[in-house]
Amino acid sequence: MDIIPILILIVVIVAVILIFKFISSLVKAVVFAFLLLIIIFSVIGLLVYLDAKDIQSNFSSSNKTILLVDNNKIILGFKIVDFADNQTMEQITGEKLVNYSEFYAKKDYKSIKGDSYKLMIFNESLFNFSAKPSLKAFSNSLSSSIKNEGIVFLIKGLKAKEIIIYPETITFKIIKYIPISLIEKVASRLVKKEQ
């Protein structure tokens, strides 16, 4: 009796078993990775949803600190509750503006924010001021930019690091990674729906 065919059969059977185990463990690893990704994206999605809901319910009715920066120095600022009502605007002047500039240089945004809901810092390069900007020129330019471009203005500024929003919650962190073309498409569709 020839032993070579039996050895070949045993080698083939062992090879098939090893290949099956390898493929089985590979499939398990892929399924595990896929499930892990689903869980991670679900948690991130939930956090973004909760954050967006918080912004939606608190932004329009809470105090916000708005600052204008030029050459790493805060040159103007105001606190406001409702952008539609200038009566809720309070200008930041004098010593407080100097203190805010010092905090800004140290990136101590928490100290600037104080009890405000959000701190928003805009770089002067976002606006076309013909002279040294006044509070009225700044607030009008800001309102006009937001009215004309909507959320796209803020997102472009965030992505270009021309706008700082503090605290930078998960929504603002993720926005930085979304392509601006996608944001513009979504924003234009939303505008069309409103009309």
Protein backbone atom coordinates (compact mmCIF):
# COMPACT_ATOMS: atom_id res chain seq x y z
CA MET A 1 0.00 0.00 0.00
CA ASP A 2 1.26 3.39 -1.01
CA ILE A 3 1.47 5.93 1.83
CA ILE A 4 1.91 9.07 -0.34
CA PRO A 5 -1.80 9.44 -1.29
CA ILE A 6 -2.76 9.09 2.37
CA LEU A 7 -0.22 11.77 3.38
CA ILE A 8 -1.48 14.08 0.63
CA LEU A 9 -5.06 13.54 1.83
CA ILE A 10 -4.05 14.30 5.43
CA VAL A 11 -2.15 17.45 4.36
CA VAL A 12 -5.15 18.62 2.29
CA ILE A 13 -7.55 17.99 5.18
CA VAL A 14 -5.27 19.84 7.64
CA ALA A 15 -4.86 22.72 5.16
CA VAL A 16 -8.64 22.98 4.65
CA ILE A 17 -9.20 22.99 8.42
CA LEU A 18 -6.53 25.68 8.94
CA ILE A 19 -7.90 27.81 6.10
CA PHE A 20 -11.42 27.43 7.49
CA LYS A 21 -10.26 28.45 10.99
CA PHE A 22 -8.33 31.42 9.58
CA ILE A 23 -11.30 32.62 7.50
CA SER A 24 -13.64 32.03 10.44
CA SER A 25 -11.46 34.11 12.78
CA LEU A 26 -11.04 36.78 10.09
CA VAL A 27 -14.82 36.99 9.62
CA LYS A 28 -15.27 37.22 13.39
CA ALA A 29 -12.72 40.05 13.55
CA VAL A 30 -14.41 41.94 10.70
CA VAL A 31 -17.86 41.51 12.28
CA PHE A 32 -16.50 42.64 15.65
CA ALA A 33 -14.84 45.71 14.08
CA PHE A 34 -18.05 46.53 12.20
CA LEU A 35 -20.16 46.27 15.36
CA LEU A 36 -17.65 48.37 17.25
CA LEU A 37 -17.83 51.08 14.56
CA ILE A 38 -21.63 51.02 14.68
CA ILE A 39 -21.53 51.49 18.47
CA ILE A 40 -18.95 54.31 18.25
CA PHE A 41 -20.88 56.18 15.53
CA SER A 42 -24.15 55.69 17.42
CA VAL A 43 -22.66 57.19 20.59
CA ILE A 44 -21.14 60.10 18.63
CA GLY A 45 -24.46 60.63 16.83
CA LEU A 46 -26.33 60.68 20.13
CA LEU A 47 -23.86 63.17 21.63
CA VAL A 48 -24.13 65.45 18.57
CA TYR A 49 -27.93 65.23 18.70
CA LEU A 50 -28.03 66.12 22.40
CA ASP A 51 -25.57 68.97 21.88
CA ALA A 52 -27.49 70.35 18.88
CA LYS A 53 -30.71 70.16 20.89
CA ASP A 54 -29.03 72.06 23.74
CA ILE A 55 -27.78 74.73 21.33
CA GLN A 56 -31.21 75.01 19.72
CA SER A 57 -33.00 75.47 23.03
CA ASN A 58 -30.44 77.74 24.75
CA PHE A 59 -28.63 79.79 22.11
CA SER A 60 -31.39 82.23 21.25
CA SER A 61 -32.42 82.87 24.86
CA SER A 62 -29.07 82.88 26.68
CA ASN A 63 -26.37 85.49 27.17
CA LYS A 64 -23.53 85.32 24.63
CA THR A 65 -20.19 87.12 24.68
CA ILE A 66 -19.18 88.30 21.19
CA LEU A 67 -15.67 89.64 20.59
CA LEU A 68 -13.76 91.06 17.63
CA VAL A 69 -10.03 90.34 17.43
CA ASP A 70 -7.32 92.01 15.38
CA ASN A 71 -3.65 91.00 15.58
CA ASN A 72 -4.28 88.83 18.64
CA LYS A 73 -5.85 91.73 20.53
CA ILE A 74 -9.51 92.08 21.39
CA ILE A 75 -10.64 95.42 19.98
CA LEU A 76 -14.42 95.27 20.47
CA GLY A 77 -16.92 93.22 22.33
CA PHE A 78 -20.45 92.96 23.56
CA LYS A 79 -22.77 90.68 25.44
CA ILE A 80 -26.15 89.96 23.94
CA VAL A 81 -29.12 87.71 24.57
CA ASP A 82 -31.20 88.13 21.42
CA PHE A 83 -29.61 89.18 18.12
CA ALA A 84 -33.00 90.43 16.90
CA ASP A 85 -33.29 92.83 19.85
CA ASN A 86 -30.40 95.30 20.17
CA GLN A 87 -31.83 96.36 23.54
CA THR A 88 -30.27 93.19 25.00
CA MET A 89 -26.78 94.29 23.85
CA GLU A 90 -24.26 95.47 26.42
CA GLN A 91 -20.90 96.81 25.19
CA ILE A 92 -17.70 95.55 26.79
CA THR A 93 -15.29 98.43 27.39
CA GLY A 94 -12.27 99.66 29.31
CA GLU A 95 -10.63 97.48 31.90
CA LYS A 96 -12.76 94.47 31.04
CA LEU A 97 -11.67 94.61 27.38
CA VAL A 98 -8.02 94.83 28.49
CA ASN A 99 -8.49 91.84 30.81
CA TYR A 100 -10.17 89.87 28.02
CA SER A 101 -7.19 90.60 25.74
CA GLU A 102 -4.84 89.21 28.38
CA PHE A 103 -7.00 86.10 28.80
CA TYR A 104 -7.20 85.76 25.01
CA ALA A 105 -3.40 85.87 24.68
CA LYS A 106 -3.23 82.97 27.17
CA LYS A 107 -6.11 81.15 25.41
CA ASP A 108 -8.01 81.29 28.71
CA TYR A 109 -11.43 81.32 27.07
CA LYS A 110 -13.16 80.07 30.20
CA SER A 111 -12.29 83.28 32.06
CA ILE A 112 -13.60 85.40 29.18
CA LYS A 113 -16.81 83.38 28.85
CA GLY A 114 -17.71 83.85 32.49
CA ASP A 115 -21.42 83.16 32.96
CA SER A 116 -22.28 83.46 29.26
CA TYR A 117 -23.74 80.46 27.45
CA LYS A 118 -21.26 80.79 24.57
CA LEU A 119 -18.18 82.84 23.79
CA MET A 120 -17.77 83.73 20.12
CA ILE A 121 -14.55 85.35 18.93
CA PHE A 122 -14.40 86.69 15.36
CA ASN A 123 -11.26 87.72 13.51
CA GLU A 124 -11.52 91.16 11.94
CA SER A 125 -10.39 89.70 8.59
CA LEU A 126 -13.86 88.16 8.20
CA PHE A 127 -15.35 91.61 7.66
CA ASN A 128 -14.62 94.47 5.26
CA PHE A 129 -14.27 97.46 7.54
CA SER A 130 -13.17 100.63 5.76
CA ALA A 131 -11.92 102.20 9.00
CA LYS A 132 -11.47 101.24 12.62
CA PRO A 133 -14.67 99.32 13.36
CA SER A 134 -17.25 100.62 15.78
CA LEU A 135 -19.53 98.43 17.83
CA LYS A 136 -22.41 99.26 15.50
CA ALA A 137 -20.36 98.45 12.38
CA PHE A 138 -19.24 95.15 13.91
CA SER A 139 -22.72 94.08 15.03
CA ASN A 140 -24.22 95.12 11.67
CA SER A 141 -21.52 93.29 9.70
CA LEU A 142 -21.93 90.20 11.85
CA SER A 143 -25.73 90.25 11.50
CA SER A 144 -25.45 90.83 7.76
CA SER A 145 -22.97 87.97 7.29
CA ILE A 146 -25.14 85.56 9.26
CA LYS A 147 -28.28 86.73 7.45
CA ASN A 148 -26.69 86.37 3.99
CA GLU A 149 -24.75 83.15 4.49
CA GLY A 150 -26.50 81.64 7.49
CA ILE A 151 -24.76 78.86 9.34
CA VAL A 152 -22.31 78.49 6.43
CA PHE A 153 -20.64 81.76 7.50
CA LEU A 154 -19.97 80.38 10.98
CA ILE A 155 -18.81 77.00 9.71
CA LYS A 156 -16.43 78.52 7.15
CA GLY A 157 -15.00 80.73 9.89
CA LEU A 158 -14.59 77.78 12.25
CA LYS A 159 -12.86 75.70 9.59
CA ALA A 160 -10.56 78.61 8.67
CA LYS A 161 -9.84 79.25 12.38
CA GLU A 162 -11.19 82.78 11.96
CA ILE A 163 -13.95 82.10 14.51
CA ILE A 164 -13.61 80.54 17.94
CA ILE A 165 -16.66 79.24 19.73
CA TYR A 166 -16.18 78.29 23.36
CA PRO A 167 -16.97 75.88 24.81
CA GLU A 168 -16.18 73.86 21.72
CA THR A 169 -18.66 71.05 22.13
CA ILE A 170 -18.69 67.87 20.04
CA THR A 171 -20.88 69.46 17.36
CA PHE A 172 -18.32 72.19 16.67
CA LYS A 173 -15.45 69.69 16.74
CA ILE A 174 -17.13 67.47 14.16
CA ILE A 175 -18.15 70.41 11.96
CA LYS A 176 -14.46 71.12 11.37
CA TYR A 177 -14.13 67.78 9.56
CA ILE A 178 -17.18 68.06 7.30
CA PRO A 179 -16.40 69.27 3.77
CA ILE A 180 -17.70 72.81 3.20
CA SER A 181 -19.27 71.75 -0.12
CA LEU A 182 -21.50 69.29 1.75
CA ILE A 183 -22.48 71.94 4.27
CA GLU A 184 -23.34 74.41 1.49
CA LYS A 185 -25.52 71.79 -0.25
CA VAL A 186 -27.40 70.99 2.95
CA ALA A 187 -27.79 74.69 3.80
CA SER A 188 -29.12 75.52 0.31
CA ARG A 189 -31.65 72.67 0.55
CA LEU A 190 -32.80 73.93 3.94
CA VAL A 191 -33.23 77.45 2.54
CA LYS A 192 -35.26 76.07 -0.38
CA LYS A 193 -37.52 74.15 2.04
CA GLU A 194 -38.17 77.31 4.07
CA GLN A 195 -39.23 79.26 0.98
